[in-house]
Amino acid sequence: ASKEGGKISIISVGWDPGMFSVNRLYGEVILPVGSTYTFWGKGISQ
């Protein structure tokens, strides 16, 4: 849709997905031998 209209769209922006996603990527490329874990909360999920 964005290419059809000549527009930019940015999806899945927030802290997860979003900021946490970027940090998962940084962790993986810096320490390729290892494991990534994500924990959420305690908190209310919108």
ModelCIF file with pLDDT and N, C-alpha, C, O atoms, coordinates in Angstrom:
data_MODEL
#
_entry.id   MODEL 
#
_entity.id                         1 
_entity.type                       polymer 
_entity.pdbx_number_of_molecules   1 
#
_entity_poly.entity_id                      1 
_entity_poly.type                           'polypeptide(L)' 
_entity_poly.nstd_linkage                   no 
_entity_poly.nstd_monomer                   no 
_entity_poly.pdbx_seq_one_letter_code       ASKEGGKISIISVGWDPGMFSVNRLYGEVILPVGSTYTFWGKGISQ 
_entity_poly.pdbx_seq_one_letter_code_can   ASKEGGKISIISVGWDPGMFSVNRLYGEVILPVGSTYTFWGKGISQ 
_entity_poly.pdbx_strand_id                 A 
#
loop_
_entity_poly_seq.entity_id 
_entity_poly_seq.num 
_entity_poly_seq.mon_id 
_entity_poly_seq.hetero 
1 1  ALA n 
1 2  SER n 
1 3  LYS n 
1 4  GLU n 
1 5  GLY n 
1 6  GLY n 
1 7  LYS n 
1 8  ILE n 
1 9  SER n 
1 10 ILE n 
1 11 ILE n 
1 12 SER n 
1 13 VAL n 
1 14 GLY n 
1 15 TRP n 
1 16 ASP n 
1 17 PRO n 
1 18 GLY n 
1 19 MET n 
1 20 PHE n 
1 21 SER n 
1 22 VAL n 
1 23 ASN n 
1 24 ARG n 
1 25 LEU n 
1 26 TYR n 
1 27 GLY n 
1 28 GLU n 
1 29 VAL n 
1 30 ILE n 
1 31 LEU n 
1 32 PRO n 
1 33 VAL n 
1 34 GLY n 
1 35 SER n 
1 36 THR n 
1 37 TYR n 
1 38 THR n 
1 39 PHE n 
1 40 TRP n 
1 41 GLY n 
1 42 LYS n 
1 43 GLY n 
1 44 ILE n 
1 45 SER n 
1 46 GLN n 
#
_struct_asym.id          A 
_struct_asym.entity_id   1 
#
loop_
_ma_qa_metric.id 
_ma_qa_metric.mode 
_ma_qa_metric.name 
_ma_qa_metric.software_group_id 
_ma_qa_metric.type 
1 global pLDDT . pLDDT 
2 local  pLDDT . pLDDT 
#
_ma_qa_metric_global.metric_id      1 
_ma_qa_metric_global.metric_value   96.24 
_ma_qa_metric_global.model_id       1 
_ma_qa_metric_global.ordinal_id     1 
#
loop_
_ma_qa_metric_local.label_asym_id 
_ma_qa_metric_local.label_comp_id 
_ma_qa_metric_local.label_seq_id 
_ma_qa_metric_local.metric_id 
_ma_qa_metric_local.metric_value 
_ma_qa_metric_local.model_id 
_ma_qa_metric_local.ordinal_id 
A ALA 1  2 98.00 1 1  
A SER 2  2 98.00 1 2  
A LYS 3  2 98.00 1 3  
A GLU 4  2 97.00 1 4  
A GLY 5  2 98.00 1 5  
A GLY 6  2 98.00 1 6  
A LYS 7  2 98.00 1 7  
A ILE 8  2 98.00 1 8  
A SER 9  2 98.00 1 9  
A ILE 10 2 99.00 1 10 
A ILE 11 2 98.00 1 11 
A SER 12 2 98.00 1 12 
A VAL 13 2 98.00 1 13 
A GLY 14 2 97.00 1 14 
A TRP 15 2 96.00 1 15 
A ASP 16 2 94.00 1 16 
A PRO 17 2 96.00 1 17 
A GLY 18 2 98.00 1 18 
A MET 19 2 98.00 1 19 
A PHE 20 2 98.00 1 20 
A SER 21 2 98.00 1 21 
A VAL 22 2 98.00 1 22 
A ASN 23 2 98.00 1 23 
A ARG 24 2 98.00 1 24 
A LEU 25 2 98.00 1 25 
A TYR 26 2 98.00 1 26 
A GLY 27 2 98.00 1 27 
A GLU 28 2 98.00 1 28 
A VAL 29 2 98.00 1 29 
A ILE 30 2 98.00 1 30 
A LEU 31 2 97.00 1 31 
A PRO 32 2 97.00 1 32 
A VAL 33 2 96.00 1 33 
A GLY 34 2 96.00 1 34 
A SER 35 2 96.00 1 35 
A THR 36 2 97.00 1 36 
A TYR 37 2 97.00 1 37 
A THR 38 2 96.00 1 38 
A PHE 39 2 96.00 1 39 
A TRP 40 2 93.00 1 40 
A GLY 41 2 92.00 1 41 
A LYS 42 2 93.00 1 42 
A GLY 43 2 94.00 1 43 
A ILE 44 2 91.00 1 44 
A SER 45 2 86.00 1 45 
A GLN 46 2 79.00 1 46 
#
loop_
_atom_site.group_PDB 
_atom_site.id 
_atom_site.type_symbol 
_atom_site.label_atom_id 
_atom_site.label_alt_id 
_atom_site.label_comp_id 
_atom_site.label_asym_id 
_atom_site.label_entity_id 
_atom_site.label_seq_id 
_atom_site.pdbx_PDB_ins_code 
_atom_site.Cartn_x 
_atom_site.Cartn_y 
_atom_site.Cartn_z 
_atom_site.occupancy 
_atom_site.B_iso_or_equiv 
_atom_site.pdbx_formal_charge 
_atom_site.auth_seq_id 
_atom_site.auth_comp_id 
_atom_site.auth_asym_id 
_atom_site.auth_atom_id 
_atom_site.pdbx_PDB_model_num 
ATOM 1   N N  . ALA A 1 1  ? 0.823  -1.209  0.000  1.00 98.00 ? 1  ALA A N  1 
ATOM 2   C CA . ALA A 1 1  ? 0.000  0.000   0.000  1.00 98.00 ? 1  ALA A CA 1 
ATOM 3   C C  . ALA A 1 1  ? 0.859  1.262   0.000  1.00 98.00 ? 1  ALA A C  1 
ATOM 4   O O  . ALA A 1 1  ? 0.558  2.217   -0.716 1.00 98.00 ? 1  ALA A O  1 
ATOM 5   N N  . SER A 1 2  ? 1.929  1.270   0.801  1.00 98.00 ? 2  SER A N  1 
ATOM 6   C CA . SER A 1 2  ? 2.791  2.451   0.904  1.00 98.00 ? 2  SER A CA 1 
ATOM 7   C C  . SER A 1 2  ? 3.500  2.740   -0.411 1.00 98.00 ? 2  SER A C  1 
ATOM 8   O O  . SER A 1 2  ? 3.607  3.896   -0.820 1.00 98.00 ? 2  SER A O  1 
ATOM 9   N N  . LYS A 1 3  ? 3.981  1.703   -1.067 1.00 98.00 ? 3  LYS A N  1 
ATOM 10  C CA . LYS A 1 3  ? 4.654  1.907   -2.349 1.00 98.00 ? 3  LYS A CA 1 
ATOM 11  C C  . LYS A 1 3  ? 3.673  2.395   -3.419 1.00 98.00 ? 3  LYS A C  1 
ATOM 12  O O  . LYS A 1 3  ? 4.018  3.200   -4.284 1.00 98.00 ? 3  LYS A O  1 
ATOM 13  N N  . GLU A 1 4  ? 2.465  1.893   -3.335 1.00 97.00 ? 4  GLU A N  1 
ATOM 14  C CA . GLU A 1 4  ? 1.428  2.329   -4.282 1.00 97.00 ? 4  GLU A CA 1 
ATOM 15  C C  . GLU A 1 4  ? 1.158  3.822   -4.148 1.00 97.00 ? 4  GLU A C  1 
ATOM 16  O O  . GLU A 1 4  ? 0.946  4.521   -5.140 1.00 97.00 ? 4  GLU A O  1 
ATOM 17  N N  . GLY A 1 5  ? 1.169  4.301   -2.899 1.00 98.00 ? 5  GLY A N  1 
ATOM 18  C CA . GLY A 1 5  ? 0.875  5.711   -2.664 1.00 98.00 ? 5  GLY A CA 1 
ATOM 19  C C  . GLY A 1 5  ? 2.092  6.605   -2.594 1.00 98.00 ? 5  GLY A C  1 
ATOM 20  O O  . GLY A 1 5  ? 1.954  7.820   -2.451 1.00 98.00 ? 5  GLY A O  1 
ATOM 21  N N  . GLY A 1 6  ? 3.295  6.028   -2.691 1.00 98.00 ? 6  GLY A N  1 
ATOM 22  C CA . GLY A 1 6  ? 4.515  6.826   -2.594 1.00 98.00 ? 6  GLY A CA 1 
ATOM 23  C C  . GLY A 1 6  ? 4.754  7.373   -1.201 1.00 98.00 ? 6  GLY A C  1 
ATOM 24  O O  . GLY A 1 6  ? 5.334  8.446   -1.041 1.00 98.00 ? 6  GLY A O  1 
ATOM 25  N N  . LYS A 1 7  ? 4.306  6.634   -0.187 1.00 98.00 ? 7  LYS A N  1 
ATOM 26  C CA . LYS A 1 7  ? 4.404  7.075   1.196  1.00 98.00 ? 7  LYS A CA 1 
ATOM 27  C C  . LYS A 1 7  ? 5.318  6.153   2.006  1.00 98.00 ? 7  LYS A C  1 
ATOM 28  O O  . LYS A 1 7  ? 5.674  5.060   1.566  1.00 98.00 ? 7  LYS A O  1 
ATOM 29  N N  . ILE A 1 8  ? 5.685  6.620   3.194  1.00 98.00 ? 8  ILE A N  1 
ATOM 30  C CA . ILE A 1 8  ? 6.461  5.823   4.147  1.00 98.00 ? 8  ILE A CA 1 
ATOM 31  C C  . ILE A 1 8  ? 5.533  5.341   5.249  1.00 98.00 ? 8  ILE A C  1 
ATOM 32  O O  . ILE A 1 8  ? 4.732  6.112   5.777  1.00 98.00 ? 8  ILE A O  1 
ATOM 33  N N  . SER A 1 9  ? 5.642  4.070   5.592  1.00 98.00 ? 9  SER A N  1 
ATOM 34  C CA . SER A 1 9  ? 4.954  3.542   6.773  1.00 98.00 ? 9  SER A CA 1 
ATOM 35  C C  . SER A 1 9  ? 5.996  2.881   7.657  1.00 98.00 ? 9  SER A C  1 
ATOM 36  O O  . SER A 1 9  ? 6.931  2.248   7.167  1.00 98.00 ? 9  SER A O  1 
ATOM 37  N N  . ILE A 1 10 ? 5.829  3.032   8.961  1.00 99.00 ? 10 ILE A N  1 
ATOM 38  C CA . ILE A 1 10 ? 6.699  2.354   9.929  1.00 99.00 ? 10 ILE A CA 1 
ATOM 39  C C  . ILE A 1 10 ? 5.783  1.592   10.872 1.00 99.00 ? 10 ILE A C  1 
ATOM 40  O O  . ILE A 1 10 ? 4.970  2.190   11.577 1.00 99.00 ? 10 ILE A O  1 
ATOM 41  N N  . ILE A 1 11 ? 5.915  0.271   10.883 1.00 98.00 ? 11 ILE A N  1 
ATOM 42  C CA . ILE A 1 11 ? 4.996  -0.561  11.658 1.00 98.00 ? 11 ILE A CA 1 
ATOM 43  C C  . ILE A 1 11 ? 5.685  -1.135  12.895 1.00 98.00 ? 11 ILE A C  1 
ATOM 44  O O  . ILE A 1 11 ? 6.911  -1.172  12.997 1.00 98.00 ? 11 ILE A O  1 
ATOM 45  N N  . SER A 1 12 ? 4.843  -1.580  13.831 1.00 98.00 ? 12 SER A N  1 
ATOM 46  C CA . SER A 1 12 ? 5.308  -2.291  15.037 1.00 98.00 ? 12 SER A CA 1 
ATOM 47  C C  . SER A 1 12 ? 6.303  -1.454  15.824 1.00 98.00 ? 12 SER A C  1 
ATOM 48  O O  . SER A 1 12 ? 7.359  -1.932  16.236 1.00 98.00 ? 12 SER A O  1 
ATOM 49  N N  . VAL A 1 13 ? 5.941  -0.195  16.021 1.00 98.00 ? 13 VAL A N  1 
ATOM 50  C CA . VAL A 1 13 ? 6.766  0.753   16.771 1.00 98.00 ? 13 VAL A CA 1 
ATOM 51  C C  . VAL A 1 13 ? 6.275  0.814   18.209 1.00 98.00 ? 13 VAL A C  1 
ATOM 52  O O  . VAL A 1 13 ? 5.080  0.975   18.458 1.00 98.00 ? 13 VAL A O  1 
ATOM 53  N N  . GLY A 1 14 ? 7.178  0.687   19.129 1.00 97.00 ? 14 GLY A N  1 
ATOM 54  C CA . GLY A 1 14 ? 6.857  0.743   20.555 1.00 97.00 ? 14 GLY A CA 1 
ATOM 55  C C  . GLY A 1 14 ? 8.060  0.238   21.321 1.00 97.00 ? 14 GLY A C  1 
ATOM 56  O O  . GLY A 1 14 ? 9.193  0.351   20.853 1.00 97.00 ? 14 GLY A O  1 
ATOM 57  N N  . TRP A 1 15 ? 7.820  -0.318  22.494 1.00 96.00 ? 15 TRP A N  1 
ATOM 58  C CA . TRP A 1 15 ? 8.985  -0.863  23.211 1.00 96.00 ? 15 TRP A CA 1 
ATOM 59  C C  . TRP A 1 15 ? 9.123  -2.358  23.005 1.00 96.00 ? 15 TRP A C  1 
ATOM 60  O O  . TRP A 1 15 ? 10.233 -2.883  23.091 1.00 96.00 ? 15 TRP A O  1 
ATOM 61  N N  . ASP A 1 16 ? 8.023  -3.068  22.733 1.00 94.00 ? 16 ASP A N  1 
ATOM 62  C CA . ASP A 1 16 ? 8.132  -4.442  22.254 1.00 94.00 ? 16 ASP A CA 1 
ATOM 63  C C  . ASP A 1 16 ? 6.839  -4.845  21.563 1.00 94.00 ? 16 ASP A C  1 
ATOM 64  O O  . ASP A 1 16 ? 5.815  -5.026  22.223 1.00 94.00 ? 16 ASP A O  1 
ATOM 65  N N  . PRO A 1 17 ? 6.873  -4.987  20.246 1.00 96.00 ? 17 PRO A N  1 
ATOM 66  C CA . PRO A 1 17 ? 8.039  -4.826  19.373 1.00 96.00 ? 17 PRO A CA 1 
ATOM 67  C C  . PRO A 1 17 ? 8.469  -3.364  19.276 1.00 96.00 ? 17 PRO A C  1 
ATOM 68  O O  . PRO A 1 17 ? 7.674  -2.445  19.472 1.00 96.00 ? 17 PRO A O  1 
ATOM 69  N N  . GLY A 1 18 ? 9.757  -3.181  18.968 1.00 98.00 ? 18 GLY A N  1 
ATOM 70  C CA . GLY A 1 18 ? 10.312 -1.841  18.873 1.00 98.00 ? 18 GLY A CA 1 
ATOM 71  C C  . GLY A 1 18 ? 11.680 -1.788  19.516 1.00 98.00 ? 18 GLY A C  1 
ATOM 72  O O  . GLY A 1 18 ? 12.633 -2.371  19.000 1.00 98.00 ? 18 GLY A O  1 
ATOM 73  N N  . MET A 1 19 ? 11.788 -1.081  20.657 1.00 98.00 ? 19 MET A N  1 
ATOM 74  C CA . MET A 1 19 ? 13.072 -0.929  21.320 1.00 98.00 ? 19 MET A CA 1 
ATOM 75  C C  . MET A 1 19 ? 13.660 -2.271  21.761 1.00 98.00 ? 19 MET A C  1 
ATOM 76  O O  . MET A 1 19 ? 14.867 -2.492  21.655 1.00 98.00 ? 19 MET A O  1 
ATOM 77  N N  . PHE A 1 20 ? 12.804 -3.158  22.251 1.00 98.00 ? 20 PHE A N  1 
ATOM 78  C CA . PHE A 1 20 ? 13.292 -4.485  22.627 1.00 98.00 ? 20 PHE A CA 1 
ATOM 79  C C  . PHE A 1 20 ? 13.802 -5.244  21.398 1.00 98.00 ? 20 PHE A C  1 
ATOM 80  O O  . PHE A 1 20 ? 14.773 -5.996  21.487 1.00 98.00 ? 20 PHE A O  1 
ATOM 81  N N  . SER A 1 21 ? 13.154 -5.046  20.269 1.00 98.00 ? 21 SER A N  1 
ATOM 82  C CA . SER A 1 21 ? 13.569 -5.723  19.045 1.00 98.00 ? 21 SER A CA 1 
ATOM 83  C C  . SER A 1 21 ? 14.989 -5.311  18.660 1.00 98.00 ? 21 SER A C  1 
ATOM 84  O O  . SER A 1 21 ? 15.812 -6.155  18.304 1.00 98.00 ? 21 SER A O  1 
ATOM 85  N N  . VAL A 1 22 ? 15.269 -4.012  18.734 1.00 98.00 ? 22 VAL A N  1 
ATOM 86  C CA . VAL A 1 22 ? 16.599 -3.500  18.403 1.00 98.00 ? 22 VAL A CA 1 
ATOM 87  C C  . VAL A 1 22 ? 17.644 -4.086  19.351 1.00 98.00 ? 22 VAL A C  1 
ATOM 88  O O  . VAL A 1 22 ? 18.737 -4.459  18.923 1.00 98.00 ? 22 VAL A O  1 
ATOM 89  N N  . ASN A 1 23 ? 17.308 -4.166  20.628 1.00 98.00 ? 23 ASN A N  1 
ATOM 90  C CA . ASN A 1 23 ? 18.262 -4.704  21.601 1.00 98.00 ? 23 ASN A CA 1 
ATOM 91  C C  . ASN A 1 23 ? 18.466 -6.207  21.432 1.00 98.00 ? 23 ASN A C  1 
ATOM 92  O O  . ASN A 1 23 ? 19.553 -6.722  21.690 1.00 98.00 ? 23 ASN A O  1 
ATOM 93  N N  . ARG A 1 24 ? 17.428 -6.903  21.001 1.00 98.00 ? 24 ARG A N  1 
ATOM 94  C CA . ARG A 1 24 ? 17.614 -8.324  20.679 1.00 98.00 ? 24 ARG A CA 1 
ATOM 95  C C  . ARG A 1 24 ? 18.610 -8.481  19.525 1.00 98.00 ? 24 ARG A C  1 
ATOM 96  O O  . ARG A 1 24 ? 19.464 -9.367  19.542 1.00 98.00 ? 24 ARG A O  1 
ATOM 97  N N  . LEU A 1 25 ? 18.483 -7.606  18.525 1.00 98.00 ? 25 LEU A N  1 
ATOM 98  C CA . LEU A 1 25 ? 19.388 -7.665  17.377 1.00 98.00 ? 25 LEU A CA 1 
ATOM 99  C C  . LEU A 1 25 ? 20.821 -7.337  17.793 1.00 98.00 ? 25 LEU A C  1 
ATOM 100 O O  . LEU A 1 25 ? 21.750 -8.053  17.419 1.00 98.00 ? 25 LEU A O  1 
ATOM 101 N N  . TYR A 1 26 ? 21.009 -6.267  18.561 1.00 98.00 ? 26 TYR A N  1 
ATOM 102 C CA . TYR A 1 26 ? 22.354 -5.906  19.006 1.00 98.00 ? 26 TYR A CA 1 
ATOM 103 C C  . TYR A 1 26 ? 22.997 -7.038  19.809 1.00 98.00 ? 26 TYR A C  1 
ATOM 104 O O  . TYR A 1 26 ? 24.167 -7.366  19.611 1.00 98.00 ? 26 TYR A O  1 
ATOM 105 N N  . GLY A 1 27 ? 22.227 -7.621  20.707 1.00 98.00 ? 27 GLY A N  1 
ATOM 106 C CA . GLY A 1 27 ? 22.769 -8.706  21.518 1.00 98.00 ? 27 GLY A CA 1 
ATOM 107 C C  . GLY A 1 27 ? 23.199 -9.889  20.675 1.00 98.00 ? 27 GLY A C  1 
ATOM 108 O O  . GLY A 1 27 ? 24.235 -10.502 20.929 1.00 98.00 ? 27 GLY A O  1 
ATOM 109 N N  . GLU A 1 28 ? 22.397 -10.205 19.673 1.00 98.00 ? 28 GLU A N  1 
ATOM 110 C CA . GLU A 1 28 ? 22.672 -11.367 18.828 1.00 98.00 ? 28 GLU A CA 1 
ATOM 111 C C  . GLU A 1 28 ? 23.907 -11.178 17.957 1.00 98.00 ? 28 GLU A C  1 
ATOM 112 O O  . GLU A 1 28 ? 24.697 -12.106 17.788 1.00 98.00 ? 28 GLU A O  1 
ATOM 113 N N  . VAL A 1 29 ? 24.077 -9.974  17.403 1.00 98.00 ? 29 VAL A N  1 
ATOM 114 C CA . VAL A 1 29 ? 25.222 -9.764  16.518 1.00 98.00 ? 29 VAL A CA 1 
ATOM 115 C C  . VAL A 1 29 ? 26.530 -9.587  17.285 1.00 98.00 ? 29 VAL A C  1 
ATOM 116 O O  . VAL A 1 29 ? 27.599 -9.916  16.772 1.00 98.00 ? 29 VAL A O  1 
ATOM 117 N N  . ILE A 1 30 ? 26.451 -9.069  18.509 1.00 98.00 ? 30 ILE A N  1 
ATOM 118 C CA . ILE A 1 30 ? 27.656 -8.878  19.308 1.00 98.00 ? 30 ILE A CA 1 
ATOM 119 C C  . ILE A 1 30 ? 28.089 -10.186 19.957 1.00 98.00 ? 30 ILE A C  1 
ATOM 120 O O  . ILE A 1 30 ? 29.283 -10.471 20.046 1.00 98.00 ? 30 ILE A O  1 
ATOM 121 N N  . LEU A 1 31 ? 27.125 -10.980 20.410 1.00 97.00 ? 31 LEU A N  1 
ATOM 122 C CA . LEU A 1 31 ? 27.412 -12.278 21.030 1.00 97.00 ? 31 LEU A CA 1 
ATOM 123 C C  . LEU A 1 31 ? 26.717 -13.369 20.214 1.00 97.00 ? 31 LEU A C  1 
ATOM 124 O O  . LEU A 1 31 ? 25.671 -13.875 20.621 1.00 97.00 ? 31 LEU A O  1 
ATOM 125 N N  . PRO A 1 32 ? 27.296 -13.738 19.058 1.00 97.00 ? 32 PRO A N  1 
ATOM 126 C CA . PRO A 1 32 ? 26.622 -14.725 18.200 1.00 97.00 ? 32 PRO A CA 1 
ATOM 127 C C  . PRO A 1 32 ? 26.496 -16.108 18.822 1.00 97.00 ? 32 PRO A C  1 
ATOM 128 O O  . PRO A 1 32 ? 25.617 -16.879 18.438 1.00 97.00 ? 32 PRO A O  1 
ATOM 129 N N  . VAL A 1 33 ? 27.357 -16.429 19.772 1.00 96.00 ? 33 VAL A N  1 
ATOM 130 C CA . VAL A 1 33 ? 27.244 -17.704 20.485 1.00 96.00 ? 33 VAL A CA 1 
ATOM 131 C C  . VAL A 1 33 ? 26.539 -17.422 21.800 1.00 96.00 ? 33 VAL A C  1 
ATOM 132 O O  . VAL A 1 33 ? 27.159 -16.945 22.751 1.00 96.00 ? 33 VAL A O  1 
ATOM 133 N N  . GLY A 1 34 ? 25.246 -17.714 21.858 1.00 96.00 ? 34 GLY A N  1 
ATOM 134 C CA . GLY A 1 34 ? 24.501 -17.412 23.077 1.00 96.00 ? 34 GLY A CA 1 
ATOM 135 C C  . GLY A 1 34 ? 23.006 -17.523 22.867 1.00 96.00 ? 34 GLY A C  1 
ATOM 136 O O  . GLY A 1 34 ? 22.547 -18.077 21.867 1.00 96.00 ? 34 GLY A O  1 
ATOM 137 N N  . SER A 1 35 ? 22.257 -16.999 23.807 1.00 96.00 ? 35 SER A N  1 
ATOM 138 C CA . SER A 1 35 ? 20.793 -17.069 23.761 1.00 96.00 ? 35 SER A CA 1 
ATOM 139 C C  . SER A 1 35 ? 20.205 -15.730 24.184 1.00 96.00 ? 35 SER A C  1 
ATOM 140 O O  . SER A 1 35 ? 20.771 -15.019 25.014 1.00 96.00 ? 35 SER A O  1 
ATOM 141 N N  . THR A 1 36 ? 19.054 -15.401 23.594 1.00 97.00 ? 36 THR A N  1 
ATOM 142 C CA . THR A 1 36 ? 18.352 -14.165 23.923 1.00 97.00 ? 36 THR A CA 1 
ATOM 143 C C  . THR A 1 36 ? 17.065 -14.499 24.664 1.00 97.00 ? 36 THR A C  1 
ATOM 144 O O  . THR A 1 36 ? 16.347 -15.431 24.300 1.00 97.00 ? 36 THR A O  1 
ATOM 145 N N  . TYR A 1 37 ? 16.784 -13.732 25.703 1.00 97.00 ? 37 TYR A N  1 
ATOM 146 C CA . TYR A 1 37 ? 15.584 -13.934 26.514 1.00 97.00 ? 37 TYR A CA 1 
ATOM 147 C C  . TYR A 1 37 ? 14.876 -12.598 26.679 1.00 97.00 ? 37 TYR A C  1 
ATOM 148 O O  . TYR A 1 37 ? 15.509 -11.571 26.923 1.00 97.00 ? 37 TYR A O  1 
ATOM 149 N N  . THR A 1 38 ? 13.556 -12.625 26.543 1.00 96.00 ? 38 THR A N  1 
ATOM 150 C CA . THR A 1 38 ? 12.746 -11.439 26.783 1.00 96.00 ? 38 THR A CA 1 
ATOM 151 C C  . THR A 1 38 ? 11.716 -11.741 27.851 1.00 96.00 ? 38 THR A C  1 
ATOM 152 O O  . THR A 1 38 ? 10.964 -12.711 27.761 1.00 96.00 ? 38 THR A O  1 
ATOM 153 N N  . PHE A 1 39 ? 11.698 -10.893 28.862 1.00 96.00 ? 39 PHE A N  1 
ATOM 154 C CA . PHE A 1 39 ? 10.699 -11.007 29.927 1.00 96.00 ? 39 PHE A CA 1 
ATOM 155 C C  . PHE A 1 39 ? 9.904  -9.700  29.975 1.00 96.00 ? 39 PHE A C  1 
ATOM 156 O O  . PHE A 1 39 ? 10.475 -8.610  29.944 1.00 96.00 ? 39 PHE A O  1 
ATOM 157 N N  . TRP A 1 40 ? 8.587  -9.828  30.050 1.00 93.00 ? 40 TRP A N  1 
ATOM 158 C CA . TRP A 1 40 ? 7.718  -8.654  30.131 1.00 93.00 ? 40 TRP A CA 1 
ATOM 159 C C  . TRP A 1 40 ? 7.046  -8.606  31.501 1.00 93.00 ? 40 TRP A C  1 
ATOM 160 O O  . TRP A 1 40 ? 6.647  -9.630  32.054 1.00 93.00 ? 40 TRP A O  1 
ATOM 161 N N  . GLY A 1 41 ? 6.934  -7.400  32.029 1.00 92.00 ? 41 GLY A N  1 
ATOM 162 C CA . GLY A 1 41 ? 6.158  -7.233  33.249 1.00 92.00 ? 41 GLY A CA 1 
ATOM 163 C C  . GLY A 1 41 ? 7.015  -7.169  34.508 1.00 92.00 ? 41 GLY A C  1 
ATOM 164 O O  . GLY A 1 41 ? 8.244  -7.134  34.456 1.00 92.00 ? 41 GLY A O  1 
ATOM 165 N N  . LYS A 1 42 ? 6.316  -7.153  35.636 1.00 93.00 ? 42 LYS A N  1 
ATOM 166 C CA . LYS A 1 42 ? 4.878  -7.224  35.773 1.00 93.00 ? 42 LYS A CA 1 
ATOM 167 C C  . LYS A 1 42 ? 4.247  -5.928  35.279 1.00 93.00 ? 42 LYS A C  1 
ATOM 168 O O  . LYS A 1 42 ? 4.677  -4.832  35.638 1.00 93.00 ? 42 LYS A O  1 
ATOM 169 N N  . GLY A 1 43 ? 3.210  -6.079  34.444 1.00 94.00 ? 43 GLY A N  1 
ATOM 170 C CA . GLY A 1 43 ? 2.558  -4.889  33.966 1.00 94.00 ? 43 GLY A CA 1 
ATOM 171 C C  . GLY A 1 43 ? 1.333  -5.199  33.142 1.00 94.00 ? 43 GLY A C  1 
ATOM 172 O O  . GLY A 1 43 ? 1.069  -6.346  32.779 1.00 94.00 ? 43 GLY A O  1 
ATOM 173 N N  . ILE A 1 44 ? 0.585  -4.136  32.854 1.00 91.00 ? 44 ILE A N  1 
ATOM 174 C CA . ILE A 1 44 ? -0.650 -4.267  32.083 1.00 91.00 ? 44 ILE A CA 1 
ATOM 175 C C  . ILE A 1 44 ? -0.327 -4.163  30.601 1.00 91.00 ? 44 ILE A C  1 
ATOM 176 O O  . ILE A 1 44 ? 0.277  -3.189  30.152 1.00 91.00 ? 44 ILE A O  1 
ATOM 177 N N  . SER A 1 45 ? -0.730 -5.164  29.857 1.00 86.00 ? 45 SER A N  1 
ATOM 178 C CA . SER A 1 45 ? -0.538 -5.165  28.410 1.00 86.00 ? 45 SER A CA 1 
ATOM 179 C C  . SER A 1 45 ? -1.745 -4.524  27.741 1.00 86.00 ? 45 SER A C  1 
ATOM 180 O O  . SER A 1 45 ? -2.875 -4.981  27.913 1.00 86.00 ? 45 SER A O  1 
ATOM 181 N N  . GLN A 1 46 ? -1.497 -3.454  26.969 1.00 79.00 ? 46 GLN A N  1 
ATOM 182 C CA . GLN A 1 46 ? -2.602 -2.795  26.263 1.00 79.00 ? 46 GLN A CA 1 
ATOM 183 C C  . GLN A 1 46 ? -3.215 -3.717  25.218 1.00 79.00 ? 46 GLN A C  1 
ATOM 184 O O  . GLN A 1 46 ? -4.157 -3.329  24.528 1.00 79.00 ? 46 GLN A O  1 
#
